[in-house]
Amino acid sequence: MNTTTILISEVGPRDGLQSVKATMPTADKLRWISALHAAGLREIEVGSFVPARLLPQLADTAEVVAHALTLPGLTVLALVPNLRGAQAALAAGVHKITVPVSASPAHCMANVRKSPQAMVEEVRLIDALRRRVAPQVGLEAAISTAFGCNLQGAVPEDEVIRLAVQCAGAGADDVGLSDTTGHANPAQVSRLFTRLRAEIGHQAGAAHMHNTRGLGLANCLAAYEAGVRTFDASLAGLGGCPYAPGASGNVVTEDLVFMFEAMGIATGIDLTRLIAARAPLQAGLPGEPLYGMTPEAGLPHGWTPTAP
């Protein structure tokens, strides 16, 4: 049996919550993150350091980080759009910073009000800051709209790879590819991640897939077969992108874990506890639709998880 360990990075508390209209009470967020940790998740993107007027759902990120830091063995991530956000994230004590760098100029302007090239320079500034004040903190660049954009349409693959190489050169420890708008197909995913690994080697980072058109798991499998070992996912498929109209549906964490575990690929996550972590999410966002085939169908008779 193949027991190659992969890392599932839970992004629901950031990517999920920023995309719903309601604001989850802080106490419910803390219970939810604790439940995710109890299920075995060891990397969680807990929020974003952006102005509260833009994303009031994430105004309590510093408080959420403080709680997450008390959970043993957990890598605490936060997204930051600029140097000011990075300063706040480092002050809060995060373990890792994610910077969104969109390959689509139209999406980049809508999302962070900067051009892709300006965001590469922002990565450079953030890298200089963290090396100066907190060199132990990780820095990743996420190439958004890497597979297509609802605002621009097709995104040239050469431009995606060029931008990823520039981000790696600007100081990012790793650079992932994000299907922000759900355009990707498995052949495209395989092609781009193969190119990414050829260009930047060990700095090639996570696959962040959306299930907008039903190809989320297929795209994750294509990324795995191309060598990717870190995957973003959101419990119950919560989330999308508020600056990409129609971009719904992060990959469902429960379904992704089931797929890998059923294949004999260890995730370190207890599926029963993971499904139970939907309860504090539902309590904090009553009425919000929750997705996932595995929670609905239940685990197969005689199910046994992959040995860690």
Protein backbone atom coordinates (compact mmCIF):
# COMPACT_ATOMS: atom_id res chain seq x y z
CA MET A 1 0.00 0.00 0.00
CA ASN A 2 1.23 3.46 -0.89
CA THR A 3 1.41 5.54 2.29
CA THR A 4 2.96 8.64 0.80
CA THR A 5 1.93 11.47 3.09
CA ILE A 6 0.35 14.57 1.63
CA LEU A 7 -0.63 17.82 3.30
CA ILE A 8 -4.20 19.09 3.21
CA SER A 9 -4.25 22.81 3.98
CA GLU A 10 -7.68 23.91 5.21
CA VAL A 11 -8.68 27.32 3.84
CA GLY A 12 -12.31 27.49 4.95
CA PRO A 13 -11.78 29.97 7.80
CA ARG A 14 -10.34 32.44 5.28
CA ASP A 15 -11.35 31.63 1.71
CA GLY A 16 -14.66 30.20 2.84
CA LEU A 17 -15.77 32.87 5.26
CA GLN A 18 -14.75 35.81 3.04
CA SER A 19 -17.20 34.60 0.42
CA VAL A 20 -20.39 34.40 2.48
CA LYS A 21 -22.53 37.40 3.36
CA ALA A 22 -22.97 36.53 7.03
CA THR A 23 -20.20 37.06 9.57
CA MET A 24 -19.45 34.05 11.75
CA PRO A 25 -19.18 35.00 15.43
CA THR A 26 -15.62 34.78 16.71
CA ALA A 27 -16.48 32.18 19.35
CA ASP A 28 -17.88 29.89 16.65
CA LYS A 29 -14.77 30.39 14.52
CA LEU A 30 -12.58 29.31 17.41
CA ARG A 31 -14.69 26.19 18.03
CA TRP A 32 -14.61 25.37 14.33
CA ILE A 33 -10.82 25.71 14.06
CA SER A 34 -10.37 23.59 17.19
CA ALA A 35 -12.59 20.90 15.64
CA LEU A 36 -10.57 20.97 12.42
CA HIS A 37 -7.38 20.58 14.44
CA ALA A 38 -8.90 17.71 16.43
CA ALA A 39 -9.64 15.95 13.14
CA GLY A 40 -5.93 15.98 12.29
CA LEU A 41 -5.55 19.03 10.08
CA ARG A 42 -2.10 20.49 10.66
CA GLU A 43 -2.20 23.56 8.41
CA ILE A 44 -5.09 26.03 8.50
CA GLU A 45 -5.44 29.41 6.81
CA VAL A 46 -7.30 31.12 9.63
CA GLY A 47 -7.95 34.56 8.17
CA SER A 48 -6.74 37.53 6.19
CA PHE A 49 -5.21 40.81 7.29
CA VAL A 50 -7.20 43.24 5.18
CA PRO A 51 -9.16 46.37 6.15
CA ALA A 52 -12.33 45.45 8.04
CA ARG A 53 -14.40 47.69 5.78
CA LEU A 54 -13.47 45.45 2.82
CA LEU A 55 -13.95 42.07 4.52
CA PRO A 56 -15.83 42.52 7.79
CA GLN A 57 -16.15 38.72 7.99
CA LEU A 58 -12.42 38.58 8.78
CA ALA A 59 -12.07 41.63 11.04
CA ASP A 60 -11.22 39.37 14.01
CA THR A 61 -8.29 37.61 12.34
CA ALA A 62 -5.72 38.66 14.98
CA GLU A 63 -7.89 37.16 17.72
CA VAL A 64 -8.40 33.99 15.67
CA VAL A 65 -4.64 33.70 15.12
CA ALA A 66 -4.04 34.00 18.86
CA HIS A 67 -6.34 31.04 19.48
CA ALA A 68 -4.92 28.95 16.64
CA LEU A 69 -1.41 29.43 18.02
CA THR A 70 -2.45 27.51 21.15
CA LEU A 71 -3.24 24.35 19.15
CA PRO A 72 -0.23 21.99 19.21
CA GLY A 73 1.45 21.09 15.94
CA LEU A 74 -0.66 23.47 13.87
CA THR A 75 0.86 25.68 11.18
CA VAL A 76 -1.13 28.93 11.28
CA LEU A 77 -1.49 30.72 7.94
CA ALA A 78 -2.92 34.10 7.03
CA LEU A 79 -3.39 35.77 3.68
CA VAL A 80 -2.05 39.29 3.20
CA PRO A 81 -2.52 41.49 0.13
CA ASN A 82 0.32 43.91 0.83
CA LEU A 83 3.17 44.97 3.12
CA ARG A 84 0.82 46.55 5.67
CA GLY A 85 -1.09 43.30 5.96
CA ALA A 86 2.18 41.40 6.36
CA GLN A 87 3.21 43.70 9.20
CA ALA A 88 -0.05 42.94 11.00
CA ALA A 89 0.28 39.19 10.35
CA LEU A 90 3.82 39.07 11.69
CA ALA A 91 2.79 41.09 14.74
CA ALA A 92 0.01 38.56 15.37
CA GLY A 93 2.53 35.70 15.28
CA VAL A 94 1.49 33.67 12.23
CA HIS A 95 3.70 30.83 11.07
CA LYS A 96 3.21 31.45 7.37
CA ILE A 97 2.01 34.24 5.06
CA THR A 98 0.23 33.76 1.75
CA VAL A 99 0.31 36.52 -0.87
CA PRO A 100 -2.17 36.38 -3.78
CA VAL A 101 -0.58 37.28 -7.12
CA SER A 102 -3.09 37.05 -9.93
CA ALA A 103 -1.93 36.12 -13.41
CA SER A 104 -4.92 38.01 -14.80
CA PRO A 105 -4.34 41.78 -14.75
CA ALA A 106 -8.10 42.36 -14.64
CA HIS A 107 -8.56 40.12 -11.60
CA CYS A 108 -5.42 41.49 -9.93
CA MET A 109 -6.77 45.03 -10.13
CA ALA A 110 -10.19 43.94 -8.85
CA ASN A 111 -8.72 41.89 -6.03
CA VAL A 112 -5.79 43.97 -4.72
CA ARG A 113 -5.84 47.12 -6.87
CA LYS A 114 -2.37 46.41 -8.22
CA SER A 115 -0.91 44.95 -11.39
CA PRO A 116 0.66 41.47 -11.33
CA GLN A 117 4.10 43.04 -11.66
CA ALA A 118 3.43 45.36 -8.73
CA MET A 119 2.43 42.31 -6.67
CA VAL A 120 5.76 40.65 -7.43
CA GLU A 121 7.42 43.72 -5.94
CA GLU A 122 5.09 43.43 -2.94
CA VAL A 123 6.33 39.86 -2.44
CA ARG A 124 9.88 41.21 -2.50
CA LEU A 125 9.06 43.83 0.16
CA ILE A 126 7.28 41.28 2.36
CA ASP A 127 10.21 38.89 2.07
CA ALA A 128 12.62 41.63 3.16
CA LEU A 129 10.35 42.44 6.11
CA ARG A 130 10.00 38.89 7.38
CA ARG A 131 13.74 38.21 6.99
CA ARG A 132 14.39 41.26 9.11
CA VAL A 133 11.85 40.73 11.90
CA ALA A 134 10.71 37.07 11.74
CA PRO A 135 12.93 34.92 9.52
CA GLN A 136 11.27 31.73 10.77
CA VAL A 137 7.96 32.69 9.14
CA GLY A 138 7.18 31.05 5.82
CA LEU A 139 6.17 32.99 2.73
CA GLU A 140 4.18 31.60 -0.16
CA ALA A 141 2.87 33.22 -3.31
CA ALA A 142 -0.38 31.91 -4.73
CA ILE A 143 -0.76 32.52 -8.46
CA SER A 144 -4.47 33.27 -8.71
CA THR A 145 -6.50 32.75 -11.91
CA ALA A 146 -3.70 30.49 -13.13
CA PHE A 147 -6.11 28.46 -15.26
CA GLY A 148 -8.47 31.15 -16.51
CA CYS A 149 -10.35 34.24 -15.38
CA ASN A 150 -14.03 35.22 -15.37
CA LEU A 151 -13.09 38.85 -16.02
CA GLN A 152 -10.37 38.40 -18.64
CA GLY A 153 -11.05 34.97 -20.11
CA ALA A 154 -8.07 32.82 -21.07
CA VAL A 155 -4.81 33.38 -19.19
CA PRO A 156 -1.65 32.53 -21.18
CA GLU A 157 0.23 29.62 -19.60
CA ASP A 158 3.57 31.23 -20.38
CA GLU A 159 2.50 34.25 -18.33
CA VAL A 160 1.51 32.06 -15.38
CA ILE A 161 4.90 30.35 -15.34
CA ARG A 162 6.78 33.63 -15.85
CA LEU A 163 4.97 35.17 -12.89
CA ALA A 164 5.62 32.11 -10.71
CA VAL A 165 9.34 32.23 -11.51
CA GLN A 166 9.42 35.94 -10.66
CA CYS A 167 7.70 35.33 -7.31
CA ALA A 168 10.18 32.59 -6.46
CA GLY A 169 12.99 34.98 -7.35
CA ALA A 170 11.41 37.71 -5.23
CA GLY A 171 11.73 35.59 -2.10
CA ALA A 172 8.69 33.32 -1.89
CA ASP A 173 9.60 30.00 -0.30
CA ASP A 174 7.05 28.28 -2.50
CA VAL A 175 4.67 29.23 -5.27
CA GLY A 176 1.34 27.50 -5.82
CA LEU A 177 -1.25 27.63 -8.58
CA SER A 178 -4.87 28.53 -7.91
CA ASP A 179 -7.92 27.78 -10.04
CA THR A 180 -9.68 30.81 -8.60
CA THR A 181 -12.56 30.76 -11.05
CA GLY A 182 -13.05 27.05 -11.68
CA HIS A 183 -11.81 27.03 -15.28
CA ALA A 184 -9.22 24.26 -14.95
CA ASN A 185 -9.31 20.80 -16.48
CA PRO A 186 -7.03 17.85 -15.59
CA ALA A 187 -4.88 18.06 -18.73
CA GLN A 188 -4.24 21.76 -18.13
CA VAL A 189 -3.47 21.14 -14.44
CA SER A 190 -0.99 18.40 -15.29
CA ARG A 191 0.68 20.55 -17.93
CA LEU A 192 1.04 23.67 -15.77
CA PHE A 193 2.26 21.93 -12.61
CA THR A 194 4.74 19.89 -14.64
CA ARG A 195 6.09 23.12 -16.11
CA LEU A 196 6.12 24.79 -12.70
CA ARG A 197 8.16 21.98 -11.14
CA ALA A 198 10.57 22.03 -14.08
CA GLU A 199 11.11 25.77 -13.63
CA ILE A 200 11.33 26.21 -9.85
CA GLY A 201 11.81 22.68 -8.49
CA HIS A 202 11.23 22.34 -4.75
CA GLN A 203 9.66 25.82 -4.64
CA ALA A 204 6.64 24.52 -6.57
CA GLY A 205 3.81 24.69 -4.06
CA ALA A 206 0.16 23.90 -3.45
CA ALA A 207 -2.74 23.16 -5.76
CA HIS A 208 -5.76 25.32 -4.91
CA MET A 209 -8.67 23.98 -6.91
CA HIS A 210 -12.32 24.95 -7.12
CA ASN A 211 -15.22 22.66 -7.93
CA THR A 212 -17.25 25.28 -9.78
CA ARG A 213 -17.72 23.02 -12.82
CA GLY A 214 -17.41 19.68 -11.04
CA LEU A 215 -13.74 18.98 -11.82
CA GLY A 216 -12.19 19.82 -8.45
CA LEU A 217 -11.23 16.28 -7.40
CA ALA A 218 -10.14 15.30 -10.91
CA ASN A 219 -7.90 18.36 -11.01
CA CYS A 220 -6.42 17.52 -7.58
CA LEU A 221 -5.65 14.00 -8.76
CA ALA A 222 -3.98 15.39 -11.90
CA ALA A 223 -1.90 17.70 -9.70
CA TYR A 224 -0.93 14.78 -7.44
CA GLU A 225 0.19 12.75 -10.45
CA ALA A 226 2.26 15.76 -11.55
CA GLY A 227 4.09 15.69 -8.21
CA VAL A 228 2.06 18.09 -6.03
CA ARG A 229 1.87 17.07 -2.37
CA THR A 230 0.06 20.04 -0.79
CA PHE A 231 -3.61 20.72 -1.51
CA ASP A 232 -5.89 23.52 -0.36
CA ALA A 233 -9.46 22.58 0.47
CA SER A 234 -12.43 23.98 2.39
CA LEU A 235 -14.67 22.09 4.78
CA ALA A 236 -18.12 21.62 3.25
CA GLY A 237 -16.90 23.35 0.07
CA LEU A 238 -17.42 26.76 1.61
CA GLY A 239 -16.13 29.71 -0.34
CA GLY A 240 -15.09 31.20 -3.63
CA CYS A 241 -13.76 34.63 -4.51
CA PRO A 242 -15.72 37.87 -3.92
CA TYR A 243 -13.83 39.53 -6.78
CA ALA A 244 -14.46 36.80 -9.33
CA PRO A 245 -18.19 36.63 -10.16
CA GLY A 246 -19.49 33.07 -10.35
CA ALA A 247 -16.38 31.52 -8.80
CA SER A 248 -18.05 29.26 -6.29
CA GLY A 249 -17.04 26.03 -4.71
CA ASN A 250 -13.69 25.30 -3.14
CA VAL A 251 -12.80 21.61 -3.22
CA VAL A 252 -14.60 19.89 -0.34
CA THR A 253 -12.05 18.84 2.29
CA GLU A 254 -14.07 15.78 3.28
CA ASP A 255 -14.27 14.49 -0.31
CA LEU A 256 -10.59 15.21 -0.99
CA VAL A 257 -9.49 13.36 2.14
CA PHE A 258 -11.75 10.42 1.27
CA MET A 259 -10.33 10.21 -2.26
CA PHE A 260 -6.73 10.14 -1.12
CA GLU A 261 -7.32 7.80 1.82
CA ALA A 262 -9.31 5.40 -0.37
CA MET A 263 -6.31 5.36 -2.74
CA GLY A 264 -3.99 4.42 0.13
CA ILE A 265 -2.43 7.88 0.32
CA ALA A 266 -2.18 9.00 3.95
CA THR A 267 -3.48 12.42 4.92
CA GLY A 268 -3.23 12.08 8.71
CA ILE A 269 -6.87 13.20 8.97
CA ASP A 270 -9.65 11.33 10.78
CA LEU A 271 -12.64 11.45 8.44
CA THR A 272 -15.20 10.82 11.16
CA ARG A 273 -13.91 13.76 13.17
CA LEU A 274 -13.61 15.85 10.02
CA ILE A 275 -17.27 15.33 9.20
CA ALA A 276 -18.12 16.17 12.82
CA ALA A 277 -16.32 19.51 12.35
CA ARG A 278 -19.22 20.57 10.13
CA ALA A 279 -21.36 21.02 13.28
CA PRO A 280 -19.59 24.13 14.64
CA LEU A 281 -19.48 25.52 11.09
CA GLN A 282 -23.24 25.07 10.74
CA ALA A 283 -23.82 26.54 14.21
CA GLY A 284 -21.83 29.65 13.33
CA LEU A 285 -23.45 30.09 9.91
CA PRO A 286 -27.00 28.81 10.28
CA GLY A 287 -28.72 28.46 6.94
CA GLU A 288 -25.50 28.49 4.90
CA PRO A 289 -25.52 25.55 2.44
CA LEU A 290 -22.89 22.92 3.11
CA TYR A 291 -21.62 20.67 0.33
CA GLY A 292 -19.87 17.33 0.10
CA MET A 293 -20.69 13.90 -1.27
CA THR A 294 -18.84 11.94 1.44
CA PRO A 295 -20.70 13.48 4.42
CA GLU A 296 -24.00 12.91 2.62
CA ALA A 297 -23.30 9.29 1.66
CA GLY A 298 -21.38 8.35 4.81
CA LEU A 299 -18.25 6.25 4.96
CA PRO A 300 -18.35 2.84 3.26
CA HIS A 301 -19.13 -0.25 5.32
CA GLY A 302 -15.95 -1.53 6.91
CA TRP A 303 -14.04 1.67 6.16
CA THR A 304 -10.57 1.77 7.66
CA PRO A 305 -8.28 4.77 7.28
CA THR A 306 -4.81 4.59 5.78
CA ALA A 307 -2.14 3.92 8.37
CA PRO A 308 -0.15 7.10 9.09
